Amino acid sequence: MITPYYFVLYNGIKEAPDRVALKLSEAVNRCIEEGHLEEYLRGHLGEAKDMLLSGFDEEIWKEGLREEGREEGKRELISEMLRSGMEPQQISDLCKLPLEFILDVQENTLTAK
């Protein structure tokens, strides 16, 4: 796979295409400065750059969303198990998840109260 060095930003207006070739960092900075996806880019800069470099693949993106959902679901289930009085080691054994993951959820559950 060839890694692109420059990206073309297009303003979406056919009559005045205003196409500009920019280095990746310049393209991302310009998007932030002009308010395009500013919040997302500030919060997910590395992910956005990886997506641009690897080429956008909708299936990979959808799988990432599914994985985030599964992760959140696990955390919610573990929180409920902890609130019901189960010990972290019991949850780890029952769910076949690393004890460190359970302890992380426990710490976040306690600090959220």
N, C-alpha and C. Protein backbone atom coordinates (compact mmCIF):
# COMPACT_ATOMS: atom_id res chain seq x y z
N MET A 1 0.84 -1.18 0.00
CA MET A 1 0.00 0.00 0.00
C MET A 1 0.89 1.24 0.00
N ILE A 2 0.53 2.20 -0.79
CA ILE A 2 1.27 3.45 -0.88
C ILE A 2 0.69 4.43 0.14
N THR A 3 1.56 5.02 0.95
CA THR A 3 1.11 6.00 1.93
C THR A 3 1.06 7.37 1.27
N PRO A 4 -0.11 8.01 1.28
CA PRO A 4 -0.21 9.33 0.65
C PRO A 4 0.53 10.39 1.47
N TYR A 5 1.14 11.32 0.77
CA TYR A 5 1.84 12.41 1.45
C TYR A 5 1.00 13.67 1.49
N TYR A 6 0.08 13.81 0.53
CA TYR A 6 -0.75 15.00 0.46
C TYR A 6 -2.20 14.60 0.32
N PHE A 7 -3.08 15.47 0.78
CA PHE A 7 -4.51 15.24 0.69
C PHE A 7 -5.14 16.44 0.01
N VAL A 8 -6.23 16.21 -0.67
CA VAL A 8 -6.93 17.29 -1.35
C VAL A 8 -8.21 17.57 -0.57
N LEU A 9 -8.38 18.83 -0.15
CA LEU A 9 -9.61 19.25 0.49
C LEU A 9 -10.48 19.90 -0.56
N TYR A 10 -11.76 19.62 -0.53
CA TYR A 10 -12.69 20.15 -1.52
C TYR A 10 -13.84 20.81 -0.77
N ASN A 11 -14.17 22.02 -1.13
CA ASN A 11 -15.19 22.75 -0.39
C ASN A 11 -16.62 22.35 -0.77
N GLY A 12 -16.80 21.49 -1.73
CA GLY A 12 -18.11 20.97 -2.08
C GLY A 12 -18.92 21.84 -3.02
N ILE A 13 -18.36 22.92 -3.50
CA ILE A 13 -19.09 23.80 -4.41
C ILE A 13 -18.52 23.60 -5.81
N LYS A 14 -19.34 23.07 -6.72
CA LYS A 14 -18.86 22.76 -8.07
C LYS A 14 -18.41 23.99 -8.84
N GLU A 15 -19.10 25.13 -8.65
CA GLU A 15 -18.77 26.33 -9.40
C GLU A 15 -17.40 26.90 -9.00
N ALA A 16 -17.00 26.70 -7.75
CA ALA A 16 -15.72 27.22 -7.24
C ALA A 16 -15.03 26.10 -6.47
N PRO A 17 -14.43 25.17 -7.18
CA PRO A 17 -13.91 23.96 -6.52
C PRO A 17 -12.87 24.19 -5.43
N ASP A 18 -12.02 25.21 -5.53
CA ASP A 18 -11.06 25.53 -4.48
C ASP A 18 -10.35 24.28 -3.95
N ARG A 19 -9.77 23.53 -4.84
CA ARG A 19 -9.05 22.32 -4.41
C ARG A 19 -7.63 22.71 -4.01
N VAL A 20 -7.19 22.18 -2.86
CA VAL A 20 -5.88 22.52 -2.33
C VAL A 20 -5.20 21.24 -1.88
N ALA A 21 -3.97 21.03 -2.34
CA ALA A 21 -3.20 19.87 -1.88
C ALA A 21 -2.43 20.28 -0.64
N LEU A 22 -2.60 19.51 0.44
CA LEU A 22 -1.95 19.82 1.71
C LEU A 22 -1.31 18.58 2.31
N LYS A 23 -0.28 18.79 3.13
CA LYS A 23 0.26 17.69 3.92
C LYS A 23 -0.81 17.30 4.93
N LEU A 24 -0.75 16.07 5.42
CA LEU A 24 -1.76 15.57 6.33
C LEU A 24 -1.95 16.50 7.52
N SER A 25 -0.86 16.88 8.17
CA SER A 25 -0.99 17.73 9.37
C SER A 25 -1.62 19.08 9.01
N GLU A 26 -1.26 19.62 7.84
CA GLU A 26 -1.85 20.89 7.40
C GLU A 26 -3.34 20.72 7.12
N ALA A 27 -3.73 19.60 6.52
CA ALA A 27 -5.13 19.35 6.20
C ALA A 27 -5.96 19.25 7.47
N VAL A 28 -5.45 18.52 8.45
CA VAL A 28 -6.19 18.37 9.71
C VAL A 28 -6.28 19.71 10.42
N ASN A 29 -5.17 20.44 10.49
CA ASN A 29 -5.18 21.75 11.15
C ASN A 29 -6.15 22.71 10.47
N ARG A 30 -6.18 22.66 9.14
CA ARG A 30 -7.09 23.55 8.40
C ARG A 30 -8.54 23.20 8.70
N CYS A 31 -8.84 21.93 8.76
CA CYS A 31 -10.21 21.51 9.10
C CYS A 31 -10.61 22.03 10.48
N ILE A 32 -9.70 21.91 11.45
CA ILE A 32 -9.98 22.39 12.80
C ILE A 32 -10.17 23.90 12.79
N GLU A 33 -9.27 24.63 12.12
CA GLU A 33 -9.36 26.10 12.07
C GLU A 33 -10.66 26.57 11.43
N GLU A 34 -11.12 25.84 10.41
CA GLU A 34 -12.34 26.25 9.70
C GLU A 34 -13.60 25.68 10.33
N GLY A 35 -13.43 24.93 11.43
CA GLY A 35 -14.59 24.42 12.15
C GLY A 35 -15.21 23.16 11.57
N HIS A 36 -14.52 22.48 10.67
CA HIS A 36 -15.03 21.23 10.10
C HIS A 36 -14.63 20.08 11.00
N LEU A 37 -15.59 19.42 11.58
CA LEU A 37 -15.34 18.28 12.47
C LEU A 37 -14.38 18.65 13.60
N GLU A 38 -14.41 19.90 14.02
CA GLU A 38 -13.44 20.39 15.00
C GLU A 38 -13.44 19.57 16.28
N GLU A 39 -14.61 19.34 16.86
CA GLU A 39 -14.68 18.60 18.12
C GLU A 39 -14.15 17.18 17.95
N TYR A 40 -14.57 16.53 16.86
CA TYR A 40 -14.11 15.16 16.62
C TYR A 40 -12.60 15.11 16.42
N LEU A 41 -12.07 16.00 15.59
CA LEU A 41 -10.64 15.98 15.30
C LEU A 41 -9.82 16.28 16.54
N ARG A 42 -10.28 17.21 17.37
CA ARG A 42 -9.53 17.51 18.60
C ARG A 42 -9.52 16.31 19.54
N GLY A 43 -10.63 15.57 19.58
CA GLY A 43 -10.72 14.43 20.49
C GLY A 43 -10.17 13.13 19.94
N HIS A 44 -10.06 13.03 18.62
CA HIS A 44 -9.66 11.77 17.99
C HIS A 44 -8.62 12.01 16.90
N LEU A 45 -7.67 12.89 17.17
CA LEU A 45 -6.70 13.29 16.16
C LEU A 45 -5.93 12.11 15.59
N GLY A 46 -5.40 11.26 16.46
CA GLY A 46 -4.63 10.11 16.00
C GLY A 46 -5.46 9.17 15.15
N GLU A 47 -6.69 8.92 15.60
CA GLU A 47 -7.59 8.04 14.87
C GLU A 47 -7.91 8.61 13.49
N ALA A 48 -8.13 9.93 13.42
CA ALA A 48 -8.45 10.57 12.15
C ALA A 48 -7.27 10.48 11.19
N LYS A 49 -6.07 10.71 11.69
CA LYS A 49 -4.89 10.61 10.83
C LYS A 49 -4.69 9.18 10.35
N ASP A 50 -4.88 8.20 11.24
CA ASP A 50 -4.76 6.80 10.83
C ASP A 50 -5.76 6.46 9.74
N MET A 51 -6.99 6.98 9.89
CA MET A 51 -8.03 6.70 8.90
C MET A 51 -7.64 7.28 7.54
N LEU A 52 -7.13 8.51 7.55
CA LEU A 52 -6.72 9.11 6.29
C LEU A 52 -5.56 8.37 5.65
N LEU A 53 -4.60 7.96 6.47
CA LEU A 53 -3.43 7.27 5.94
C LEU A 53 -3.76 5.88 5.42
N SER A 54 -4.68 5.20 6.09
CA SER A 54 -4.99 3.83 5.69
C SER A 54 -6.08 3.79 4.63
N GLY A 55 -6.73 4.92 4.40
CA GLY A 55 -7.85 4.93 3.47
C GLY A 55 -9.10 4.52 4.25
N PHE A 56 -10.16 5.27 4.09
CA PHE A 56 -11.37 4.99 4.86
C PHE A 56 -11.99 3.69 4.40
N ASP A 57 -12.25 2.82 5.33
CA ASP A 57 -12.92 1.55 5.06
C ASP A 57 -14.15 1.49 5.97
N GLU A 58 -15.33 1.60 5.37
CA GLU A 58 -16.55 1.66 6.15
C GLU A 58 -16.74 0.44 7.04
N GLU A 59 -16.38 -0.74 6.54
CA GLU A 59 -16.54 -1.95 7.34
C GLU A 59 -15.64 -1.94 8.57
N ILE A 60 -14.41 -1.46 8.41
CA ILE A 60 -13.51 -1.36 9.56
C ILE A 60 -14.08 -0.35 10.56
N TRP A 61 -14.62 0.76 10.06
CA TRP A 61 -15.21 1.77 10.93
C TRP A 61 -16.40 1.20 11.70
N LYS A 62 -17.28 0.47 10.99
CA LYS A 62 -18.44 -0.14 11.64
C LYS A 62 -18.01 -1.16 12.68
N GLU A 63 -16.98 -1.94 12.37
CA GLU A 63 -16.49 -2.93 13.34
C GLU A 63 -15.95 -2.23 14.58
N GLY A 64 -15.29 -1.10 14.39
CA GLY A 64 -14.80 -0.31 15.52
C GLY A 64 -15.94 0.15 16.41
N LEU A 65 -17.03 0.58 15.79
CA LEU A 65 -18.20 0.98 16.57
C LEU A 65 -18.80 -0.19 17.33
N ARG A 66 -18.87 -1.35 16.67
CA ARG A 66 -19.40 -2.54 17.34
C ARG A 66 -18.53 -2.92 18.53
N GLU A 67 -17.21 -2.84 18.34
CA GLU A 67 -16.28 -3.18 19.42
C GLU A 67 -16.45 -2.22 20.60
N GLU A 68 -16.62 -0.93 20.30
CA GLU A 68 -16.85 0.04 21.38
C GLU A 68 -18.13 -0.30 22.13
N GLY A 69 -19.16 -0.71 21.40
CA GLY A 69 -20.43 -1.09 22.02
C GLY A 69 -20.28 -2.32 22.90
N ARG A 70 -19.53 -3.31 22.42
CA ARG A 70 -19.30 -4.52 23.22
C ARG A 70 -18.54 -4.17 24.50
N GLU A 71 -17.54 -3.32 24.36
CA GLU A 71 -16.74 -2.89 25.51
C GLU A 71 -17.62 -2.19 26.55
N GLU A 72 -18.47 -1.29 26.07
CA GLU A 72 -19.36 -0.57 26.98
C GLU A 72 -20.33 -1.53 27.66
N GLY A 73 -20.83 -2.50 26.90
CA GLY A 73 -21.73 -3.50 27.46
C GLY A 73 -21.06 -4.32 28.55
N LYS A 74 -19.82 -4.72 28.32
CA LYS A 74 -19.07 -5.47 29.33
C LYS A 74 -18.92 -4.64 30.59
N ARG A 75 -18.57 -3.37 30.42
CA ARG A 75 -18.37 -2.49 31.57
C ARG A 75 -19.67 -2.33 32.37
N GLU A 76 -20.79 -2.19 31.70
CA GLU A 76 -22.08 -2.05 32.38
C GLU A 76 -22.42 -3.31 33.15
N LEU A 77 -22.21 -4.47 32.53
CA LEU A 77 -22.50 -5.74 33.19
C LEU A 77 -21.61 -5.92 34.42
N ILE A 78 -20.33 -5.63 34.29
CA ILE A 78 -19.41 -5.77 35.41
C ILE A 78 -19.80 -4.81 36.53
N SER A 79 -20.18 -3.59 36.20
CA SER A 79 -20.62 -2.63 37.22
C SER A 79 -21.81 -3.17 38.00
N GLU A 80 -22.77 -3.74 37.28
CA GLU A 80 -23.93 -4.33 37.95
C GLU A 80 -23.53 -5.49 38.86
N MET A 81 -22.61 -6.32 38.40
CA MET A 81 -22.15 -7.46 39.20
C MET A 81 -21.44 -6.97 40.47
N LEU A 82 -20.64 -5.92 40.32
CA LEU A 82 -19.95 -5.36 41.49
C LEU A 82 -20.95 -4.76 42.47
N ARG A 83 -21.95 -4.05 41.96
CA ARG A 83 -22.97 -3.46 42.83
C ARG A 83 -23.79 -4.53 43.55
N SER A 84 -23.92 -5.70 42.93
CA SER A 84 -24.69 -6.77 43.57
C SER A 84 -23.87 -7.50 44.63
N GLY A 85 -22.59 -7.11 44.78
CA GLY A 85 -21.78 -7.68 45.85
C GLY A 85 -20.76 -8.72 45.41
N MET A 86 -20.67 -9.00 44.13
CA MET A 86 -19.68 -9.98 43.67
C MET A 86 -18.28 -9.41 43.79
N GLU A 87 -17.33 -10.26 44.08
CA GLU A 87 -15.93 -9.86 44.19
C GLU A 87 -15.30 -9.82 42.78
N PRO A 88 -14.33 -8.94 42.58
CA PRO A 88 -13.68 -8.83 41.28
C PRO A 88 -13.12 -10.16 40.76
N GLN A 89 -12.51 -10.96 41.63
CA GLN A 89 -11.94 -12.24 41.18
C GLN A 89 -13.04 -13.18 40.71
N GLN A 90 -14.19 -13.18 41.40
CA GLN A 90 -15.33 -14.01 40.98
C GLN A 90 -15.80 -13.61 39.58
N ILE A 91 -15.91 -12.31 39.36
CA ILE A 91 -16.37 -11.80 38.06
C ILE A 91 -15.37 -12.18 36.97
N SER A 92 -14.09 -12.03 37.28
CA SER A 92 -13.04 -12.37 36.32
C SER A 92 -13.13 -13.83 35.93
N ASP A 93 -13.29 -14.70 36.92
CA ASP A 93 -13.37 -16.14 36.65
C ASP A 93 -14.63 -16.49 35.86
N LEU A 94 -15.75 -15.91 36.25
CA LEU A 94 -17.03 -16.21 35.61
C LEU A 94 -17.09 -15.70 34.17
N CYS A 95 -16.61 -14.49 33.97
CA CYS A 95 -16.71 -13.85 32.64
C CYS A 95 -15.50 -14.12 31.75
N LYS A 96 -14.48 -14.76 32.31
CA LYS A 96 -13.25 -15.04 31.55
C LYS A 96 -12.61 -13.74 31.03
N LEU A 97 -12.59 -12.74 31.92
CA LEU A 97 -11.98 -11.45 31.60
C LEU A 97 -10.80 -11.21 32.54
N PRO A 98 -9.81 -10.47 32.10
CA PRO A 98 -8.66 -10.21 32.96
C PRO A 98 -9.08 -9.45 34.23
N LEU A 99 -8.49 -9.84 35.35
CA LEU A 99 -8.79 -9.19 36.62
C LEU A 99 -8.50 -7.69 36.54
N GLU A 100 -7.47 -7.31 35.80
CA GLU A 100 -7.13 -5.88 35.68
C GLU A 100 -8.28 -5.10 35.06
N PHE A 101 -8.96 -5.71 34.09
CA PHE A 101 -10.11 -5.05 33.45
C PHE A 101 -11.22 -4.85 34.47
N ILE A 102 -11.49 -5.88 35.28
CA ILE A 102 -12.54 -5.81 36.30
C ILE A 102 -12.20 -4.72 37.32
N LEU A 103 -10.94 -4.68 37.74
CA LEU A 103 -10.51 -3.68 38.72
C LEU A 103 -10.60 -2.26 38.15
N ASP A 104 -10.32 -2.11 36.87
CA ASP A 104 -10.46 -0.81 36.23
C ASP A 104 -11.91 -0.37 36.25
N VAL A 105 -12.82 -1.28 35.92
CA VAL A 105 -14.25 -0.96 35.95
C VAL A 105 -14.66 -0.62 37.38
N GLN A 106 -14.16 -1.38 38.34
CA GLN A 106 -14.49 -1.12 39.74
C GLN A 106 -14.03 0.28 40.16
N GLU A 107 -12.83 0.63 39.79
CA GLU A 107 -12.30 1.95 40.14
C GLU A 107 -13.15 3.06 39.51
N ASN A 108 -13.50 2.89 38.24
CA ASN A 108 -14.33 3.90 37.56
C ASN A 108 -15.74 3.95 38.12
N THR A 109 -16.26 2.81 38.56
CA THR A 109 -17.60 2.76 39.15
C THR A 109 -17.60 3.50 40.48
N LEU A 110 -16.56 3.30 41.27
CA LEU A 110 -16.50 3.96 42.59
C LEU A 110 -16.30 5.46 42.45
N THR A 111 -15.48 5.89 41.49
CA THR A 111 -15.23 7.32 41.33
C THR A 111 -16.42 8.03 40.70
N ALA A 112 -17.29 7.30 40.01
CA ALA A 112 -18.46 7.90 39.38
C ALA A 112 -19.56 8.19 40.39
N LYS A 113 -19.50 7.59 41.56
CA LYS A 113 -20.56 7.78 42.58
C LYS A 113 -20.42 9.10 43.26
